[in-house]
Amino acid sequence: METVSHQFAPSAEEILIARENEQDAQRKLELLKEAVSQLGEADRALIEAVYFENISMREYSRRIGVSHSAIVKRRNRILRTLKQYFENI
């Protein structure tokens, strides 16, 4: 039995790759948090609600009293801004 379980144990290389991937994901998350923190209050609230709190854009638009199409346009503008931020770092 020990031989079978040993066959499925990750190699040292696989463990290192997994750690690097985890560190890379953590670094990207920190960069994303930094980018979002630099947005204006209203833009930050929209991104946090839609992407971190899983509130639909339709629901968010109802909550703040703005049309759904306005929220979609704002979200698209914000995402373009964030994309430019990441292209410049």
PDB file of N, CA and C in Angstrom:
ATOM      1  N   MET A   1       0.799  -1.196   0.000  1.00  0.00           N
ATOM      2  CA  MET A   1       0.000   0.000   0.000  1.00  0.00           C
ATOM      3  C   MET A   1       0.842   1.259   0.000  1.00  0.00           C
ATOM      4  N   GLU A   2       1.924   1.277   0.737  1.00  0.00           N
ATOM      5  CA  GLU A   2       2.758   2.469   0.832  1.00  0.00           C
ATOM      6  C   GLU A   2       3.288   2.876  -0.531  1.00  0.00           C
ATOM      7  N   THR A   3       3.605   1.928  -1.375  1.00  0.00           N
ATOM      8  CA  THR A   3       4.119   2.210  -2.706  1.00  0.00           C
ATOM      9  C   THR A   3       3.078   2.945  -3.536  1.00  0.00           C
ATOM     10  N   VAL A   4       1.826   2.552  -3.430  1.00  0.00           N
ATOM     11  CA  VAL A   4       0.762   3.184  -4.199  1.00  0.00           C
ATOM     12  C   VAL A   4       0.596   4.646  -3.783  1.00  0.00           C
ATOM     13  N   SER A   5       0.531   4.913  -2.486  1.00  0.00           N
ATOM     14  CA  SER A   5       0.350   6.291  -2.044  1.00  0.00           C
ATOM     15  C   SER A   5       1.570   7.143  -2.373  1.00  0.00           C
ATOM     16  N   HIS A   6       2.745   6.555  -2.378  1.00  0.00           N
ATOM     17  CA  HIS A   6       3.958   7.286  -2.726  1.00  0.00           C
ATOM     18  C   HIS A   6       3.941   7.694  -4.196  1.00  0.00           C
ATOM     19  N   GLN A   7       3.328   6.883  -5.052  1.00  0.00           N
ATOM     20  CA  GLN A   7       3.269   7.204  -6.475  1.00  0.00           C
ATOM     21  C   GLN A   7       2.479   8.481  -6.733  1.00  0.00           C
ATOM     22  N   PHE A   8       1.557   8.796  -5.852  1.00  0.00           N
ATOM     23  CA  PHE A   8       0.712   9.964  -6.062  1.00  0.00           C
ATOM     24  C   PHE A   8       1.199  11.192  -5.297  1.00  0.00           C
ATOM     25  N   ALA A   9       2.262  11.065  -4.574  1.00  0.00           N
ATOM     26  CA  ALA A   9       2.814  12.209  -3.849  1.00  0.00           C
ATOM     27  C   ALA A   9       3.450  13.168  -4.840  1.00  0.00           C
ATOM     28  N   PRO A  10       3.260  14.473  -4.638  1.00  0.00           N
ATOM     29  CA  PRO A  10       3.853  15.444  -5.567  1.00  0.00           C
ATOM     30  C   PRO A  10       5.383  15.451  -5.451  1.00  0.00           C
ATOM     31  N   SER A  11       6.009  15.699  -6.578  1.00  0.00           N
ATOM     32  CA  SER A  11       7.467  15.788  -6.584  1.00  0.00           C
ATOM     33  C   SER A  11       7.878  17.137  -5.986  1.00  0.00           C
ATOM     34  N   ALA A  12       9.150  17.265  -5.688  1.00  0.00           N
ATOM     35  CA  ALA A  12       9.676  18.529  -5.156  1.00  0.00           C
ATOM     36  C   ALA A  12       9.443  19.656  -6.167  1.00  0.00           C
ATOM     37  N   GLU A  13       9.601  19.347  -7.437  1.00  0.00           N
ATOM     38  CA  GLU A  13       9.382  20.349  -8.485  1.00  0.00           C
ATOM     39  C   GLU A  13       7.916  20.798  -8.505  1.00  0.00           C
ATOM     40  N   GLU A  14       6.993  19.857  -8.384  1.00  0.00           N
ATOM     41  CA  GLU A  14       5.574  20.195  -8.371  1.00  0.00           C
ATOM     42  C   GLU A  14       5.215  21.055  -7.158  1.00  0.00           C
ATOM     43  N   ILE A  15       5.825  20.754  -6.028  1.00  0.00           N
ATOM     44  CA  ILE A  15       5.587  21.543  -4.815  1.00  0.00           C
ATOM     45  C   ILE A  15       6.106  22.965  -5.004  1.00  0.00           C
ATOM     46  N   LEU A  16       7.301  23.106  -5.571  1.00  0.00           N
ATOM     47  CA  LEU A  16       7.862  24.442  -5.813  1.00  0.00           C
ATOM     48  C   LEU A  16       7.014  25.238  -6.802  1.00  0.00           C
ATOM     49  N   ILE A  17       6.566  24.582  -7.855  1.00  0.00           N
ATOM     50  CA  ILE A  17       5.720  25.255  -8.842  1.00  0.00           C
ATOM     51  C   ILE A  17       4.418  25.705  -8.198  1.00  0.00           C
ATOM     52  N   ALA A  18       3.823  24.852  -7.375  1.00  0.00           N
ATOM     53  CA  ALA A  18       2.577  25.212  -6.690  1.00  0.00           C
ATOM     54  C   ALA A  18       2.802  26.410  -5.772  1.00  0.00           C
ATOM     55  N   ARG A  19       3.923  26.434  -5.056  1.00  0.00           N
ATOM     56  CA  ARG A  19       4.226  27.573  -4.174  1.00  0.00           C
ATOM     57  C   ARG A  19       4.419  28.853  -4.978  1.00  0.00           C
ATOM     58  N   GLU A  20       5.138  28.746  -6.100  1.00  0.00           N
ATOM     59  CA  GLU A  20       5.348  29.924  -6.946  1.00  0.00           C
ATOM     60  C   GLU A  20       4.019  30.436  -7.494  1.00  0.00           C
ATOM     61  N   ASN A  21       3.154  29.507  -7.912  1.00  0.00           N
ATOM     62  CA  ASN A  21       1.847  29.907  -8.426  1.00  0.00           C
ATOM     63  C   ASN A  21       1.025  30.594  -7.344  1.00  0.00           C
ATOM     64  N   GLU A  22       1.085  30.078  -6.141  1.00  0.00           N
ATOM     65  CA  GLU A  22       0.355  30.680  -5.024  1.00  0.00           C
ATOM     66  C   GLU A  22       0.901  32.067  -4.703  1.00  0.00           C
ATOM     67  N   GLN A  23       2.219  32.206  -4.715  1.00  0.00           N
ATOM     68  CA  GLN A  23       2.839  33.504  -4.453  1.00  0.00           C
ATOM     69  C   GLN A  23       2.484  34.501  -5.557  1.00  0.00           C
ATOM     70  N   ASP A  24       2.466  34.023  -6.801  1.00  0.00           N
ATOM     71  CA  ASP A  24       2.116  34.878  -7.928  1.00  0.00           C
ATOM     72  C   ASP A  24       0.665  35.335  -7.821  1.00  0.00           C
ATOM     73  N   ALA A  25      -0.223  34.422  -7.461  1.00  0.00           N
ATOM     74  CA  ALA A  25      -1.631  34.772  -7.297  1.00  0.00           C
ATOM     75  C   ALA A  25      -1.797  35.781  -6.162  1.00  0.00           C
ATOM     76  N   GLN A  26      -1.062  35.601  -5.083  1.00  0.00           N
ATOM     77  CA  GLN A  26      -1.133  36.521  -3.945  1.00  0.00           C
ATOM     78  C   GLN A  26      -0.628  37.908  -4.347  1.00  0.00           C
ATOM     79  N   ARG A  27       0.458  37.947  -5.118  1.00  0.00           N
ATOM     80  CA  ARG A  27       1.010  39.222  -5.594  1.00  0.00           C
ATOM     81  C   ARG A  27      -0.002  39.941  -6.492  1.00  0.00           C
ATOM     82  N   LYS A  28      -0.648  39.182  -7.380  1.00  0.00           N
ATOM     83  CA  LYS A  28      -1.643  39.782  -8.271  1.00  0.00           C
ATOM     84  C   LYS A  28      -2.837  40.309  -7.488  1.00  0.00           C
ATOM     85  N   LEU A  29      -3.244  39.587  -6.462  1.00  0.00           N
ATOM     86  CA  LEU A  29      -4.348  40.040  -5.629  1.00  0.00           C
ATOM     87  C   LEU A  29      -3.984  41.338  -4.916  1.00  0.00           C
ATOM     88  N   GLU A  30      -2.760  41.438  -4.415  1.00  0.00           N
ATOM     89  CA  GLU A  30      -2.313  42.671  -3.760  1.00  0.00           C
ATOM     90  C   GLU A  30      -2.287  43.834  -4.746  1.00  0.00           C
ATOM     91  N   LEU A  31      -1.829  43.569  -5.976  1.00  0.00           N
ATOM     92  CA  LEU A  31      -1.817  44.620  -7.002  1.00  0.00           C
ATOM     93  C   LEU A  31      -3.240  45.061  -7.329  1.00  0.00           C
ATOM     94  N   LEU A  32      -4.157  44.104  -7.406  1.00  0.00           N
ATOM     95  CA  LEU A  32      -5.547  44.433  -7.692  1.00  0.00           C
ATOM     96  C   LEU A  32      -6.133  45.282  -6.577  1.00  0.00           C
ATOM     97  N   LYS A  33      -5.861  44.911  -5.336  1.00  0.00           N
ATOM     98  CA  LYS A  33      -6.352  45.696  -4.204  1.00  0.00           C
ATOM     99  C   LYS A  33      -5.804  47.118  -4.268  1.00  0.00           C
ATOM    100  N   GLU A  34      -4.533  47.251  -4.606  1.00  0.00           N
ATOM    101  CA  GLU A  34      -3.915  48.573  -4.720  1.00  0.00           C
ATOM    102  C   GLU A  34      -4.575  49.382  -5.829  1.00  0.00           C
ATOM    103  N   ALA A  35      -4.807  48.755  -6.981  1.00  0.00           N
ATOM    104  CA  ALA A  35      -5.439  49.454  -8.100  1.00  0.00           C
ATOM    105  C   ALA A  35      -6.853  49.901  -7.733  1.00  0.00           C
ATOM    106  N   VAL A  36      -7.616  49.020  -7.111  1.00  0.00           N
ATOM    107  CA  VAL A  36      -8.986  49.360  -6.732  1.00  0.00           C
ATOM    108  C   VAL A  36      -8.993  50.473  -5.688  1.00  0.00           C
ATOM    109  N   SER A  37      -8.023  50.463  -4.789  1.00  0.00           N
ATOM    110  CA  SER A  37      -7.973  51.494  -3.749  1.00  0.00           C
ATOM    111  C   SER A  37      -7.720  52.883  -4.337  1.00  0.00           C
ATOM    112  N   GLN A  38      -7.157  52.939  -5.532  1.00  0.00           N
ATOM    113  CA  GLN A  38      -6.864  54.224  -6.162  1.00  0.00           C
ATOM    114  C   GLN A  38      -8.049  54.785  -6.948  1.00  0.00           C
ATOM    115  N   LEU A  39      -9.123  53.999  -7.057  1.00  0.00           N
ATOM    116  CA  LEU A  39     -10.316  54.478  -7.750  1.00  0.00           C
ATOM    117  C   LEU A  39     -11.049  55.477  -6.859  1.00  0.00           C
ATOM    118  N   GLY A  40     -11.873  56.268  -7.479  1.00  0.00           N
ATOM    119  CA  GLY A  40     -12.735  57.167  -6.707  1.00  0.00           C
ATOM    120  C   GLY A  40     -13.720  56.345  -5.876  1.00  0.00           C
ATOM    121  N   GLU A  41     -14.309  56.986  -4.880  1.00  0.00           N
ATOM    122  CA  GLU A  41     -15.190  56.282  -3.943  1.00  0.00           C
ATOM    123  C   GLU A  41     -16.348  55.567  -4.650  1.00  0.00           C
ATOM    124  N   ALA A  42     -17.024  56.242  -5.567  1.00  0.00           N
ATOM    125  CA  ALA A  42     -18.178  55.652  -6.257  1.00  0.00           C
ATOM    126  C   ALA A  42     -17.742  54.477  -7.145  1.00  0.00           C
ATOM    127  N   ASP A  43     -16.626  54.650  -7.850  1.00  0.00           N
ATOM    128  CA  ASP A  43     -16.118  53.576  -8.706  1.00  0.00           C
ATOM    129  C   ASP A  43     -15.675  52.374  -7.880  1.00  0.00           C
ATOM    130  N   ARG A  44     -15.007  52.643  -6.780  1.00  0.00           N
ATOM    131  CA  ARG A  44     -14.549  51.568  -5.901  1.00  0.00           C
ATOM    132  C   ARG A  44     -15.750  50.804  -5.332  1.00  0.00           C
ATOM    133  N   ALA A  45     -16.779  51.532  -4.934  1.00  0.00           N
ATOM    134  CA  ALA A  45     -17.982  50.895  -4.383  1.00  0.00           C
ATOM    135  C   ALA A  45     -18.642  49.992  -5.418  1.00  0.00           C
ATOM    136  N   LEU A  46     -18.692  50.434  -6.659  1.00  0.00           N
ATOM    137  CA  LEU A  46     -19.275  49.619  -7.731  1.00  0.00           C
ATOM    138  C   LEU A  46     -18.482  48.329  -7.927  1.00  0.00           C
ATOM    139  N   ILE A  47     -17.170  48.452  -8.057  1.00  0.00           N
ATOM    140  CA  ILE A  47     -16.328  47.270  -8.285  1.00  0.00           C
ATOM    141  C   ILE A  47     -16.411  46.311  -7.100  1.00  0.00           C
ATOM    142  N   GLU A  48     -16.362  46.842  -5.905  1.00  0.00           N
ATOM    143  CA  GLU A  48     -16.436  45.974  -4.720  1.00  0.00           C
ATOM    144  C   GLU A  48     -17.777  45.258  -4.658  1.00  0.00           C
ATOM    145  N   ALA A  49     -18.860  45.966  -4.956  1.00  0.00           N
ATOM    146  CA  ALA A  49     -20.189  45.349  -4.902  1.00  0.00           C
ATOM    147  C   ALA A  49     -20.331  44.245  -5.948  1.00  0.00           C
ATOM    148  N   VAL A  50     -19.941  44.545  -7.176  1.00  0.00           N
ATOM    149  CA  VAL A  50     -20.153  43.597  -8.271  1.00  0.00           C
ATOM    150  C   VAL A  50     -19.182  42.422  -8.220  1.00  0.00           C
ATOM    151  N   TYR A  51     -17.912  42.685  -7.939  1.00  0.00           N
ATOM    152  CA  TYR A  51     -16.911  41.626  -8.043  1.00  0.00           C
ATOM    153  C   TYR A  51     -16.529  40.972  -6.724  1.00  0.00           C
ATOM    154  N   PHE A  52     -16.697  41.670  -5.622  1.00  0.00           N
ATOM    155  CA  PHE A  52     -16.286  41.089  -4.342  1.00  0.00           C
ATOM    156  C   PHE A  52     -17.481  40.685  -3.476  1.00  0.00           C
ATOM    157  N   GLU A  53     -18.611  41.351  -3.670  1.00  0.00           N
ATOM    158  CA  GLU A  53     -19.801  41.028  -2.895  1.00  0.00           C
ATOM    159  C   GLU A  53     -20.835  40.269  -3.724  1.00  0.00           C
ATOM    160  N   ASN A  54     -20.539  40.035  -5.006  1.00  0.00           N
ATOM    161  CA  ASN A  54     -21.406  39.277  -5.918  1.00  0.00           C
ATOM    162  C   ASN A  54     -22.817  39.864  -6.043  1.00  0.00           C
ATOM    163  N   ILE A  55     -22.896  41.173  -6.067  1.00  0.00           N
ATOM    164  CA  ILE A  55     -24.174  41.848  -6.289  1.00  0.00           C
ATOM    165  C   ILE A  55     -24.287  42.106  -7.792  1.00  0.00           C
ATOM    166  N   SER A  56     -25.417  41.755  -8.362  1.00  0.00           N
ATOM    167  CA  SER A  56     -25.582  41.962  -9.800  1.00  0.00           C
ATOM    168  C   SER A  56     -25.592  43.458 -10.106  1.00  0.00           C
ATOM    169  N   MET A  57     -25.221  43.795 -11.329  1.00  0.00           N
ATOM    170  CA  MET A  57     -25.229  45.204 -11.718  1.00  0.00           C
ATOM    171  C   MET A  57     -26.651  45.750 -11.705  1.00  0.00           C
ATOM    172  N   ARG A  58     -27.619  44.915 -12.053  1.00  0.00           N
ATOM    173  CA  ARG A  58     -29.014  45.351 -12.024  1.00  0.00           C
ATOM    174  C   ARG A  58     -29.439  45.692 -10.586  1.00  0.00           C
ATOM    175  N   GLU A  59     -29.082  44.820  -9.648  1.00  0.00           N
ATOM    176  CA  GLU A  59     -29.405  45.071  -8.243  1.00  0.00           C
ATOM    177  C   GLU A  59     -28.677  46.314  -7.740  1.00  0.00           C
ATOM    178  N   TYR A  60     -27.403  46.449  -8.099  1.00  0.00           N
ATOM    179  CA  TYR A  60     -26.636  47.610  -7.661  1.00  0.00           C
ATOM    180  C   TYR A  60     -27.259  48.896  -8.200  1.00  0.00           C
ATOM    181  N   SER A  61     -27.679  48.867  -9.470  1.00  0.00           N
ATOM    182  CA  SER A  61     -28.296  50.062 -10.055  1.00  0.00           C
ATOM    183  C   SER A  61     -29.575  50.427  -9.306  1.00  0.00           C
ATOM    184  N   ARG A  62     -30.356  49.426  -8.899  1.00  0.00           N
ATOM    185  CA  ARG A  62     -31.569  49.703  -8.113  1.00  0.00           C
ATOM    186  C   ARG A  62     -31.210  50.305  -6.753  1.00  0.00           C
ATOM    187  N   ARG A  63     -30.169  49.765  -6.122  1.00  0.00           N
ATOM    188  CA  ARG A  63     -29.782  50.242  -4.786  1.00  0.00           C
ATOM    189  C   ARG A  63     -29.376  51.704  -4.775  1.00  0.00           C
ATOM    190  N   ILE A  64     -28.663  52.122  -5.830  1.00  0.00           N
ATOM    191  CA  ILE A  64     -28.178  53.507  -5.820  1.00  0.00           C
ATOM    192  C   ILE A  64     -29.039  54.438  -6.674  1.00  0.00           C
ATOM    193  N   GLY A  65     -30.085  53.889  -7.306  1.00  0.00           N
ATOM    194  CA  GLY A  65     -31.007  54.726  -8.058  1.00  0.00           C
ATOM    195  C   GLY A  65     -30.475  55.248  -9.374  1.00  0.00           C
ATOM    196  N   VAL A  66     -29.704  54.412 -10.066  1.00  0.00           N
ATOM    197  CA  VAL A  66     -29.131  54.776 -11.364  1.00  0.00           C
ATOM    198  C   VAL A  66     -29.555  53.704 -12.365  1.00  0.00           C
ATOM    199  N   SER A  67     -29.690  54.064 -13.625  1.00  0.00           N
ATOM    200  CA  SER A  67     -30.113  53.077 -14.621  1.00  0.00           C
ATOM    201  C   SER A  67     -29.063  51.972 -14.784  1.00  0.00           C
ATOM    202  N   HIS A  68     -29.555  50.811 -15.157  1.00  0.00           N
ATOM    203  CA  HIS A  68     -28.666  49.664 -15.381  1.00  0.00           C
ATOM    204  C   HIS A  68     -27.641  49.986 -16.459  1.00  0.00           C
ATOM    205  N   SER A  69     -28.076  50.642 -17.532  1.00  0.00           N
ATOM    206  CA  SER A  69     -27.135  50.952 -18.620  1.00  0.00           C
ATOM    207  C   SER A  69     -26.041  51.904 -18.147  1.00  0.00           C
ATOM    208  N   ALA A  70     -26.361  52.814 -17.239  1.00  0.00           N
ATOM    209  CA  ALA A  70     -25.344  53.723 -16.698  1.00  0.00           C
ATOM    210  C   ALA A  70     -24.311  52.938 -15.889  1.00  0.00           C
ATOM    211  N   ILE A  71     -24.781  51.941 -15.132  1.00  0.00           N
ATOM    212  CA  ILE A  71     -23.858  51.110 -14.341  1.00  0.00           C
ATOM    213  C   ILE A  71     -22.964  50.293 -15.262  1.00  0.00           C
ATOM    214  N   VAL A  72     -23.529  49.749 -16.323  1.00  0.00           N
ATOM    215  CA  VAL A  72     -22.733  48.970 -17.279  1.00  0.00           C
ATOM    216  C   VAL A  72     -21.654  49.845 -17.904  1.00  0.00           C
ATOM    217  N   LYS A  73     -22.023  51.046 -18.300  1.00  0.00           N
ATOM    218  CA  LYS A  73     -21.050  51.971 -18.898  1.00  0.00           C
ATOM    219  C   LYS A  73     -19.955  52.335 -17.899  1.00  0.00           C
ATOM    220  N   ARG A  74     -20.360  52.618 -16.654  1.00  0.00           N
ATOM    221  CA  ARG A  74     -19.378  52.951 -15.617  1.00  0.00           C
ATOM    222  C   ARG A  74     -18.437  51.784 -15.360  1.00  0.00           C
ATOM    223  N   ARG A  75     -19.007  50.587 -15.259  1.00  0.00           N
ATOM    224  CA  ARG A  75     -18.187  49.402 -15.030  1.00  0.00           C
ATOM    225  C   ARG A  75     -17.172  49.211 -16.162  1.00  0.00           C
ATOM    226  N   ASN A  76     -17.622  49.371 -17.401  1.00  0.00           N
ATOM    227  CA  ASN A  76     -16.715  49.217 -18.543  1.00  0.00           C
ATOM    228  C   ASN A  76     -15.590  50.255 -18.510  1.00  0.00           C
ATOM    229  N   ARG A  77     -15.935  51.480 -18.143  1.00  0.00           N
ATOM    230  CA  ARG A  77     -14.906  52.531 -18.036  1.00  0.00           C
ATOM    231  C   ARG A  77     -13.911  52.193 -16.937  1.00  0.00           C
ATOM    232  N   ILE A  78     -14.414  51.736 -15.806  1.00  0.00           N
ATOM    233  CA  ILE A  78     -13.538  51.377 -14.684  1.00  0.00           C
ATOM    234  C   ILE A  78     -12.615  50.232 -15.083  1.00  0.00           C
ATOM    235  N   LEU A  79     -13.159  49.217 -15.754  1.00  0.00           N
ATOM    236  CA  LEU A  79     -12.330  48.080 -16.167  1.00  0.00           C
ATOM    237  C   LEU A  79     -11.241  48.507 -17.151  1.00  0.00           C
ATOM    238  N   ARG A  80     -11.568  49.461 -18.042  1.00  0.00           N
ATOM    239  CA  ARG A  80     -10.541  49.989 -18.947  1.00  0.00           C
ATOM    240  C   ARG A  80      -9.437  50.688 -18.148  1.00  0.00           C
ATOM    241  N   THR A  81      -9.836  51.450 -17.132  1.00  0.00           N
ATOM    242  CA  THR A  81      -8.876  52.140 -16.270  1.00  0.00           C
ATOM    243  C   THR A  81      -7.979  51.135 -15.560  1.00  0.00           C
ATOM    244  N   LEU A  82      -8.573  50.085 -15.005  1.00  0.00           N
ATOM    245  CA  LEU A  82      -7.783  49.063 -14.309  1.00  0.00           C
ATOM    246  C   LEU A  82      -6.846  48.340 -15.274  1.00  0.00           C
ATOM    247  N   LYS A  83      -7.324  48.089 -16.480  1.00  0.00           N
ATOM    248  CA  LYS A  83      -6.477  47.427 -17.484  1.00  0.00           C
ATOM    249  C   LYS A  83      -5.258  48.298 -17.795  1.00  0.00           C
ATOM    250  N   GLN A  84      -5.472  49.584 -17.955  1.00  0.00           N
ATOM    251  CA  GLN A  84      -4.353  50.494 -18.219  1.00  0.00           C
ATOM    252  C   GLN A  84      -3.389  50.517 -17.046  1.00  0.00           C
ATOM    253  N   TYR A  85      -3.917  50.469 -15.840  1.00  0.00           N
ATOM    254  CA  TYR A  85      -3.070  50.435 -14.645  1.00  0.00           C
ATOM    255  C   TYR A  85      -2.140  49.234 -14.699  1.00  0.00           C
ATOM    256  N   PHE A  86      -2.681  48.070 -15.020  1.00  0.00           N
ATOM    257  CA  PHE A  86      -1.859  46.861 -15.049  1.00  0.00           C
ATOM    258  C   PHE A  86      -0.917  46.830 -16.234  1.00  0.00           C
ATOM    259  N   GLU A  87      -1.264  47.471 -17.328  1.00  0.00           N
ATOM    260  CA  GLU A  87      -0.371  47.537 -18.480  1.00  0.00           C
ATOM    261  C   GLU A  87       0.834  48.427 -18.191  1.00  0.00           C
ATOM    262  N   ASN A  88       0.681  49.372 -17.259  1.00  0.00           N
ATOM    263  CA  ASN A  88       1.744  50.325 -16.955  1.00  0.00           C
ATOM    264  C   ASN A  88       2.621  49.933 -15.778  1.00  0.00           C
ATOM    265  N   ILE A  89       2.348  48.807 -15.142  1.00  0.00           N
ATOM    266  CA  ILE A  89       3.200  48.410 -14.016  1.00  0.00           C
ATOM    267  C   ILE A  89       4.174  47.337 -14.430  1.00  0.00           C
TER     268      ILE A  89
END
